[in-house]
Amino acid sequence: MEMTIERFTELLDEKIFELAKEMRDEYGLHKLVINQDSNYVNGKIIVKLSERNKGEE
């Protein structure tokens, strides 16, 4: 399979999300919400971090 920008961005997107989840767990940041918006065609990955409010699950 040829490595294209789209495929590379998709793989990178998955790795970033997994790493962020691991770090969240490692540092006990249970209220941290990780949102990613990715456009594989343009090679763009946006990661937004926020904190869950009290009462939200």
N, C-alpha and C. Protein backbone atom coordinates (compact mmCIF):
# COMPACT_ATOMS: atom_id res chain seq x y z
N MET A 1 0.84 -1.18 0.00
CA MET A 1 0.00 0.00 0.00
C MET A 1 0.89 1.24 0.00
N GLU A 2 0.64 2.11 -0.94
CA GLU A 2 1.40 3.36 -1.03
C GLU A 2 1.01 4.30 0.10
N MET A 3 2.01 4.93 0.68
CA MET A 3 1.76 5.87 1.77
C MET A 3 1.43 7.22 1.15
N THR A 4 0.22 7.64 1.34
CA THR A 4 -0.23 8.94 0.85
C THR A 4 -0.34 9.91 2.02
N ILE A 5 -0.48 11.19 1.71
CA ILE A 5 -0.69 12.19 2.76
C ILE A 5 -1.94 11.83 3.56
N GLU A 6 -2.99 11.42 2.87
CA GLU A 6 -4.23 11.07 3.55
C GLU A 6 -4.03 9.93 4.54
N ARG A 7 -3.36 8.89 4.10
CA ARG A 7 -3.13 7.71 4.95
C ARG A 7 -2.21 8.07 6.11
N PHE A 8 -1.16 8.82 5.84
CA PHE A 8 -0.24 9.22 6.90
C PHE A 8 -0.96 10.07 7.94
N THR A 9 -1.80 11.00 7.49
CA THR A 9 -2.56 11.84 8.41
C THR A 9 -3.51 11.00 9.25
N GLU A 10 -4.13 10.02 8.64
CA GLU A 10 -5.04 9.12 9.38
C GLU A 10 -4.28 8.36 10.47
N LEU A 11 -3.12 7.81 10.14
CA LEU A 11 -2.32 7.08 11.11
C LEU A 11 -1.82 7.99 12.22
N LEU A 12 -1.39 9.18 11.85
CA LEU A 12 -0.92 10.16 12.84
C LEU A 12 -2.06 10.57 13.77
N ASP A 13 -3.23 10.77 13.22
CA ASP A 13 -4.42 11.12 14.00
C ASP A 13 -4.69 10.07 15.07
N GLU A 14 -4.62 8.81 14.69
CA GLU A 14 -4.86 7.71 15.63
C GLU A 14 -3.79 7.70 16.73
N LYS A 15 -2.53 7.88 16.34
CA LYS A 15 -1.43 7.88 17.32
C LYS A 15 -1.56 9.04 18.31
N ILE A 16 -1.89 10.22 17.81
CA ILE A 16 -2.04 11.39 18.68
C ILE A 16 -3.13 11.14 19.71
N PHE A 17 -4.26 10.60 19.26
CA PHE A 17 -5.37 10.36 20.17
C PHE A 17 -5.00 9.32 21.23
N GLU A 18 -4.35 8.25 20.83
CA GLU A 18 -3.94 7.22 21.78
C GLU A 18 -2.93 7.77 22.79
N LEU A 19 -1.97 8.56 22.33
CA LEU A 19 -0.99 9.16 23.22
C LEU A 19 -1.65 10.11 24.20
N ALA A 20 -2.58 10.92 23.73
CA ALA A 20 -3.28 11.86 24.61
C ALA A 20 -4.08 11.11 25.67
N LYS A 21 -4.74 10.01 25.28
CA LYS A 21 -5.49 9.21 26.26
C LYS A 21 -4.56 8.59 27.30
N GLU A 22 -3.43 8.07 26.85
CA GLU A 22 -2.46 7.48 27.78
C GLU A 22 -1.95 8.52 28.77
N MET A 23 -1.62 9.70 28.27
CA MET A 23 -1.12 10.76 29.15
C MET A 23 -2.20 11.22 30.12
N ARG A 24 -3.44 11.31 29.67
CA ARG A 24 -4.54 11.69 30.54
C ARG A 24 -4.66 10.71 31.70
N ASP A 25 -4.58 9.43 31.39
CA ASP A 25 -4.68 8.40 32.42
C ASP A 25 -3.45 8.41 33.34
N GLU A 26 -2.27 8.57 32.74
CA GLU A 26 -1.02 8.56 33.51
C GLU A 26 -0.99 9.69 34.54
N TYR A 27 -1.49 10.85 34.17
CA TYR A 27 -1.44 12.01 35.05
C TYR A 27 -2.74 12.22 35.84
N GLY A 28 -3.68 11.28 35.72
CA GLY A 28 -4.91 11.35 36.50
C GLY A 28 -5.83 12.50 36.14
N LEU A 29 -5.81 12.91 34.89
CA LEU A 29 -6.65 14.02 34.45
C LEU A 29 -8.00 13.49 33.96
N HIS A 30 -8.78 12.98 34.89
CA HIS A 30 -10.02 12.30 34.55
C HIS A 30 -11.07 13.24 33.96
N LYS A 31 -10.96 14.53 34.24
CA LYS A 31 -11.93 15.49 33.72
C LYS A 31 -11.55 16.02 32.33
N LEU A 32 -10.37 15.64 31.85
CA LEU A 32 -9.90 16.14 30.56
C LEU A 32 -10.67 15.51 29.42
N VAL A 33 -11.18 16.35 28.53
CA VAL A 33 -11.88 15.90 27.33
C VAL A 33 -10.98 16.20 26.14
N ILE A 34 -10.76 15.20 25.30
CA ILE A 34 -9.90 15.33 24.13
C ILE A 34 -10.78 15.27 22.89
N ASN A 35 -10.78 16.35 22.12
CA ASN A 35 -11.53 16.38 20.87
C ASN A 35 -10.57 16.61 19.72
N GLN A 36 -10.71 15.82 18.68
CA GLN A 36 -9.87 15.97 17.49
C GLN A 36 -10.76 16.19 16.29
N ASP A 37 -10.33 17.10 15.46
CA ASP A 37 -11.00 17.37 14.19
C ASP A 37 -9.94 17.19 13.11
N SER A 38 -10.13 16.22 12.26
CA SER A 38 -9.09 15.89 11.29
C SER A 38 -9.63 15.97 9.87
N ASN A 39 -8.77 16.46 8.98
CA ASN A 39 -9.07 16.48 7.56
C ASN A 39 -7.92 15.77 6.87
N TYR A 40 -8.12 14.52 6.54
CA TYR A 40 -7.04 13.71 5.99
C TYR A 40 -6.59 14.21 4.62
N VAL A 41 -7.49 14.73 3.83
CA VAL A 41 -7.14 15.20 2.49
C VAL A 41 -6.18 16.39 2.57
N ASN A 42 -6.44 17.30 3.52
CA ASN A 42 -5.59 18.48 3.67
C ASN A 42 -4.42 18.25 4.62
N GLY A 43 -4.36 17.09 5.26
CA GLY A 43 -3.28 16.80 6.19
C GLY A 43 -3.36 17.64 7.45
N LYS A 44 -4.58 17.92 7.91
CA LYS A 44 -4.76 18.81 9.05
C LYS A 44 -5.39 18.05 10.22
N ILE A 45 -4.78 18.21 11.40
CA ILE A 45 -5.30 17.61 12.63
C ILE A 45 -5.36 18.72 13.68
N ILE A 46 -6.54 18.94 14.24
CA ILE A 46 -6.72 19.93 15.29
C ILE A 46 -7.11 19.19 16.56
N VAL A 47 -6.37 19.44 17.64
CA VAL A 47 -6.65 18.82 18.92
C VAL A 47 -7.12 19.91 19.88
N LYS A 48 -8.29 19.72 20.45
CA LYS A 48 -8.82 20.67 21.43
C LYS A 48 -8.99 19.96 22.76
N LEU A 49 -8.44 20.55 23.80
CA LEU A 49 -8.54 20.00 25.14
C LEU A 49 -9.46 20.90 25.97
N SER A 50 -10.30 20.27 26.75
CA SER A 50 -11.18 21.02 27.65
C SER A 50 -11.38 20.19 28.91
N GLU A 51 -11.97 20.81 29.90
CA GLU A 51 -12.23 20.12 31.15
C GLU A 51 -13.73 19.93 31.32
N ARG A 52 -14.10 18.71 31.65
CA ARG A 52 -15.50 18.39 31.86
C ARG A 52 -16.00 19.13 33.10
N ASN A 53 -17.17 19.72 32.99
CA ASN A 53 -17.77 20.45 34.11
C ASN A 53 -18.31 19.48 35.15
N LYS A 54 -18.48 19.96 36.36
CA LYS A 54 -19.06 19.14 37.43
C LYS A 54 -20.44 18.67 36.98
N GLY A 55 -20.74 17.42 37.27
CA GLY A 55 -22.04 16.86 36.93
C GLY A 55 -22.09 16.21 35.57
N GLU A 56 -21.14 16.49 34.68
CA GLU A 56 -21.08 15.86 33.37
C GLU A 56 -20.35 14.53 33.50
N GLU A 57 -20.81 13.57 32.82
CA GLU A 57 -20.15 12.25 32.82
C GLU A 57 -19.78 11.88 31.43
